[in-house]
N, C-alpha and C. Protein backbone atom coordinates (compact mmCIF):
# COMPACT_ATOMS: atom_id res chain seq x y z
N UNK A 1 0.63 -1.36 0.03
CA UNK A 1 0.02 0.08 -0.32
C UNK A 1 0.99 1.38 -0.07
N UNK A 2 0.56 2.22 -1.10
CA UNK A 2 1.54 3.28 -1.02
C UNK A 2 0.47 4.38 -0.30
N UNK A 3 1.03 5.55 0.25
CA UNK A 3 0.21 6.42 0.91
C UNK A 3 0.90 8.16 -0.06
N UNK A 4 0.20 8.60 -0.53
CA UNK A 4 0.85 9.92 -1.06
C UNK A 4 0.89 10.93 -0.56
N UNK A 5 1.84 11.63 -0.68
CA UNK A 5 1.99 13.37 -0.23
C UNK A 5 0.79 13.92 0.03
N UNK A 6 0.90 14.29 0.94
CA UNK A 6 -0.50 15.03 1.05
C UNK A 6 -0.71 16.32 0.50
N UNK A 7 0.91 16.98 0.48
CA UNK A 7 0.77 18.10 -0.42
C UNK A 7 0.44 18.40 -1.81
N UNK A 8 0.68 17.23 -2.27
CA UNK A 8 0.25 16.89 -3.95
C UNK A 8 -1.27 17.10 -4.21
N UNK A 9 -2.10 17.21 -2.86
CA UNK A 9 -3.67 17.02 -3.25
C UNK A 9 -3.85 18.50 -3.01
N UNK A 10 -5.23 18.89 -3.93
CA UNK A 10 -5.36 20.06 -3.91
C UNK A 10 -6.27 20.36 -2.71
N UNK A 11 -6.45 21.24 -2.19
CA UNK A 11 -7.30 21.52 -0.67
C UNK A 11 -8.04 23.12 -1.00
N UNK A 12 -9.03 22.92 -1.25
CA UNK A 12 -9.98 24.04 -1.86
C UNK A 12 -9.93 25.02 -2.82
N UNK A 13 -9.16 24.54 -3.96
CA UNK A 13 -8.47 25.53 -4.65
C UNK A 13 -7.43 24.89 -5.57
N UNK A 14 -6.56 25.84 -6.16
CA UNK A 14 -5.45 25.55 -6.82
C UNK A 14 -4.32 25.39 -5.69
N UNK A 15 -3.56 24.29 -6.00
CA UNK A 15 -2.37 23.63 -5.08
C UNK A 15 -1.13 23.93 -5.79
N UNK A 16 0.06 24.54 -5.55
CA UNK A 16 1.06 24.94 -6.04
C UNK A 16 1.94 24.26 -4.95
N UNK A 17 3.47 23.98 -5.48
CA UNK A 17 4.47 23.68 -4.43
C UNK A 17 5.54 24.33 -4.77
N UNK A 18 6.37 24.89 -4.05
CA UNK A 18 7.43 25.24 -4.52
C UNK A 18 8.87 25.12 -3.89
N UNK A 19 9.67 25.56 -4.27
CA UNK A 19 11.15 25.60 -3.62
C UNK A 19 10.82 25.75 -1.96
N UNK A 20 10.10 26.40 -2.07
CA UNK A 20 11.08 26.95 -0.51
C UNK A 20 9.64 26.60 0.67
N UNK A 21 8.91 25.28 0.11
CA UNK A 21 8.31 24.62 1.15
C UNK A 21 6.61 25.03 1.26
N UNK A 22 6.60 26.21 0.31
CA UNK A 22 5.56 26.85 0.23
C UNK A 22 4.08 25.96 -0.30
N UNK A 23 2.97 26.25 0.11
CA UNK A 23 1.70 25.73 -0.67
C UNK A 23 0.81 26.65 -0.64
N UNK A 24 -0.03 27.07 -1.56
CA UNK A 24 -1.11 27.79 -1.83
C UNK A 24 -2.06 27.28 -2.28
N UNK A 25 -3.37 28.02 -1.68
CA UNK A 25 -4.31 27.48 -1.86
C UNK A 25 -5.35 28.33 -2.87
N UNK A 26 -7.16 28.73 -2.05
CA UNK A 26 -7.67 29.46 -2.89
C UNK A 26 -7.00 30.72 -3.68
N UNK A 27 -7.51 30.59 -5.05
CA UNK A 27 -7.31 32.06 -5.83
C UNK A 27 -8.42 33.08 -5.89
N UNK A 28 -8.06 34.47 -5.71
CA UNK A 28 -8.81 35.46 -5.63
C UNK A 28 -9.88 35.94 -7.01
N UNK A 29 -10.51 36.79 -6.95
CA UNK A 29 -11.27 36.89 -7.54
C UNK A 29 -10.33 37.49 -9.19
N UNK A 30 -9.05 38.20 -8.52
CA UNK A 30 -8.46 38.60 -9.78
C UNK A 30 -7.23 37.72 -10.34
N UNK A 31 -7.72 36.45 -9.91
CA UNK A 31 -6.77 35.24 -10.66
C UNK A 31 -5.60 34.73 -9.45
N UNK A 32 -4.79 35.84 -8.98
CA UNK A 32 -4.01 35.47 -8.04
C UNK A 32 -4.35 34.84 -6.70
N UNK A 33 -3.43 34.70 -5.84
CA UNK A 33 -3.69 33.73 -4.62
C UNK A 33 -3.65 34.96 -3.33
N UNK A 34 -4.86 34.61 -2.79
CA UNK A 34 -5.31 35.79 -1.67
C UNK A 34 -4.40 35.49 -0.49
N UNK A 35 -3.86 36.59 0.08
CA UNK A 35 -2.91 36.65 1.33
C UNK A 35 -3.49 35.59 2.27
N UNK A 36 -4.59 35.52 2.69
CA UNK A 36 -5.11 34.72 3.27
C UNK A 36 -5.26 32.99 3.08
N UNK A 37 -4.93 33.08 2.28
CA UNK A 37 -4.69 31.64 1.78
C UNK A 37 -3.26 31.02 1.76
N UNK A 38 -2.61 31.59 1.82
CA UNK A 38 -1.22 31.37 1.55
C UNK A 38 -0.63 30.80 2.80
N UNK A 39 -0.01 29.54 2.83
CA UNK A 39 0.55 28.80 4.04
C UNK A 39 2.28 28.67 3.96
N UNK A 40 2.98 28.92 4.45
CA UNK A 40 4.42 28.52 4.76
C UNK A 40 4.86 27.77 5.75
N UNK A 41 5.44 26.72 5.45
CA UNK A 41 5.87 25.92 6.29
C UNK A 41 7.11 26.05 6.90
N UNK A 42 7.48 26.14 8.33
CA UNK A 42 8.79 25.76 8.77
C UNK A 42 9.89 25.17 8.19
N UNK A 43 11.24 25.34 8.42
CA UNK A 43 11.97 24.40 7.45
C UNK A 43 12.04 23.35 8.14
N UNK A 44 11.80 22.81 9.32
CA UNK A 44 11.78 21.27 9.89
C UNK A 44 10.59 20.67 9.25
N UNK A 45 9.61 21.37 8.81
CA UNK A 45 8.17 20.66 8.39
C UNK A 45 8.66 20.23 6.55
N UNK A 46 9.31 21.27 6.23
CA UNK A 46 9.43 20.98 4.87
C UNK A 46 10.36 19.82 4.65
N UNK A 47 11.68 19.96 5.78
CA UNK A 47 12.74 18.76 5.59
C UNK A 47 12.00 17.61 5.45
N UNK A 48 10.99 17.75 6.35
CA UNK A 48 10.57 16.08 6.97
C UNK A 48 9.68 15.75 5.60
N UNK A 49 8.86 16.55 4.93
CA UNK A 49 8.23 16.31 3.61
C UNK A 49 9.08 15.74 2.45
N UNK A 50 10.29 16.57 2.40
CA UNK A 50 10.97 16.33 1.67
C UNK A 50 11.81 14.91 1.55
N UNK A 51 12.16 14.52 3.13
CA UNK A 51 12.65 13.44 3.51
C UNK A 51 11.87 12.22 3.21
N UNK A 52 10.48 12.32 3.42
CA UNK A 52 9.54 11.24 3.12
C UNK A 52 9.37 10.98 1.51
N UNK A 53 10.26 10.27 1.30
CA UNK A 53 9.80 10.16 -0.28
C UNK A 53 9.11 8.80 -0.57
N UNK A 54 8.42 8.16 0.16
CA UNK A 54 7.70 7.15 0.24
C UNK A 54 8.39 5.68 0.04
N UNK A 55 9.97 5.70 -0.05
CA UNK A 55 10.54 4.32 -0.18
C UNK A 55 10.62 4.00 1.34
N UNK A 56 11.25 2.35 1.45
CA UNK A 56 11.56 1.76 2.50
C UNK A 56 12.21 0.42 2.33
N UNK A 57 12.43 0.34 3.32
CA UNK A 57 13.49 -1.11 3.36
C UNK A 57 12.57 -2.46 3.24
N UNK A 58 12.06 -2.72 2.21
CA UNK A 58 10.68 -3.92 2.21
C UNK A 58 11.48 -5.10 2.99
N UNK A 59 12.77 -5.46 2.79
CA UNK A 59 13.40 -6.77 3.19
C UNK A 59 13.27 -6.49 4.72
N UNK A 60 13.79 -5.38 5.24
CA UNK A 60 13.70 -5.30 6.84
C UNK A 60 12.49 -5.32 7.34
N UNK A 61 11.41 -4.76 6.68
CA UNK A 61 9.82 -4.95 7.12
C UNK A 61 9.05 -6.47 7.02
N UNK A 62 9.81 -6.90 6.20
CA UNK A 62 9.06 -8.28 5.70
C UNK A 62 9.82 -9.21 7.33
N UNK A 63 11.34 -9.09 7.57
CA UNK A 63 12.19 -9.61 8.39
C UNK A 63 11.75 -9.41 10.07
N UNK A 64 10.91 -8.20 9.82
CA UNK A 64 10.46 -7.90 11.09
C UNK A 64 9.31 -8.60 11.36
N UNK A 65 8.57 -8.81 10.02
CA UNK A 65 6.77 -8.89 10.21
C UNK A 65 7.26 -10.73 10.39
N UNK A 66 7.84 -11.13 10.02
CA UNK A 66 8.00 -12.42 10.24
C UNK A 66 8.61 -12.94 11.83
N UNK A 67 9.20 -12.26 11.91
CA UNK A 67 9.81 -12.48 13.47
C UNK A 67 8.71 -12.24 14.45
N UNK A 68 8.11 -11.13 14.30
CA UNK A 68 6.66 -10.92 14.88
C UNK A 68 5.79 -12.03 14.90
N UNK A 69 5.49 -12.49 13.65
CA UNK A 69 4.46 -13.69 13.38
C UNK A 69 5.05 -14.78 14.15
N UNK A 70 6.33 -15.24 13.80
CA UNK A 70 6.97 -16.15 14.79
C UNK A 70 7.33 -16.53 16.06
N UNK A 71 7.06 -14.98 16.65
CA UNK A 71 7.20 -15.01 17.85
C UNK A 71 8.59 -14.46 18.61
N UNK A 72 9.51 -14.49 17.77
CA UNK A 72 11.08 -14.48 18.02
C UNK A 72 11.47 -12.95 18.11
N UNK A 73 10.40 -12.03 17.99
CA UNK A 73 10.88 -10.01 17.97
C UNK A 73 11.17 -9.88 19.08
N UNK A 74 12.62 -9.35 19.40
CA UNK A 74 12.84 -9.03 20.80
C UNK A 74 12.88 -7.46 20.78
N UNK A 75 12.33 -7.25 21.91
CA UNK A 75 12.52 -5.85 22.06
C UNK A 75 13.21 -5.52 23.26
N UNK A 76 14.02 -4.43 23.28
CA UNK A 76 15.17 -4.18 24.39
C UNK A 76 14.56 -3.01 24.96
N UNK A 77 13.85 -3.14 26.13
CA UNK A 77 13.86 -2.03 27.03
C UNK A 77 14.23 -0.74 27.30
N UNK A 78 15.84 -1.31 27.25
CA UNK A 78 16.86 -0.34 27.79
C UNK A 78 17.26 0.66 26.73
N UNK A 79 16.86 0.09 25.71
CA UNK A 79 17.67 1.00 24.40
C UNK A 79 16.05 2.01 24.07
N UNK A 80 14.89 1.39 24.15
CA UNK A 80 13.93 2.33 24.04
C UNK A 80 14.06 3.44 25.14
N UNK A 81 14.42 3.16 26.60
CA UNK A 81 14.11 3.92 27.55
C UNK A 81 15.21 4.90 27.19
N UNK A 82 16.39 4.56 27.16
CA UNK A 82 17.40 5.86 26.55
C UNK A 82 16.93 6.83 25.54
N UNK A 83 16.28 6.36 24.44
CA UNK A 83 16.31 6.94 23.51
C UNK A 83 14.78 7.72 24.03
N UNK A 84 14.07 7.33 24.66
CA UNK A 84 13.02 8.40 25.05
C UNK A 84 13.59 9.46 25.95
N UNK A 85 14.40 9.16 27.13
CA UNK A 85 15.13 10.20 27.70
C UNK A 85 15.79 11.25 26.56
N UNK A 86 17.03 10.53 25.81
CA UNK A 86 17.65 11.51 24.79
C UNK A 86 16.74 12.61 24.36
N UNK A 87 15.48 12.08 23.78
CA UNK A 87 14.65 12.53 23.18
C UNK A 87 14.10 13.93 24.04
N UNK A 88 13.58 13.37 25.11
CA UNK A 88 13.27 14.25 26.36
C UNK A 88 14.08 15.59 26.17
N UNK A 89 15.73 15.06 26.64
CA UNK A 89 16.35 16.06 27.00
C UNK A 89 16.47 16.89 25.59
N UNK A 90 16.38 16.75 24.50
CA UNK A 90 16.74 17.33 23.02
C UNK A 90 15.61 18.50 23.21
N UNK A 91 14.26 17.81 23.52
CA UNK A 91 13.21 18.65 23.44
C UNK A 91 13.54 19.76 24.52
N UNK A 92 13.76 19.71 25.59
CA UNK A 92 13.85 20.57 27.00
C UNK A 92 15.04 21.54 26.38
N UNK A 93 16.08 21.16 26.05
CA UNK A 93 17.04 22.20 25.80
C UNK A 93 16.30 22.96 24.66
N UNK A 94 15.92 22.77 23.76
CA UNK A 94 15.04 23.44 22.62
C UNK A 94 14.19 24.66 23.09
N UNK A 95 13.70 24.27 24.09
CA UNK A 95 12.66 24.94 24.55
C UNK A 95 13.60 26.32 25.64
N UNK A 96 14.67 26.26 26.12
CA UNK A 96 15.48 26.71 27.05
C UNK A 96 16.25 27.47 26.40
N UNK A 97 16.79 26.85 25.28
CA UNK A 97 17.80 27.95 24.73
C UNK A 97 17.03 28.59 23.64
């Protein structure tokens, strides 16, 4: 199953995608885009969208699925806890700095 990029679909009017990560919507009576219809994505959001090219490692997905189905998939709670703590620290440092 392939899920498309939500920015490729028009919502309520004309859809345009530009290099700066902007998407515009409804057109005005003069044919241009009204100021209230302009949306600008942050650099982080634009980066996430450009990184999501729809590709994935099908072999890895298959091996994980088989391990789950076979009951042999191992979860390492220490690694999960360490990554959660690391992510929380990053978020807190971003808000303080």
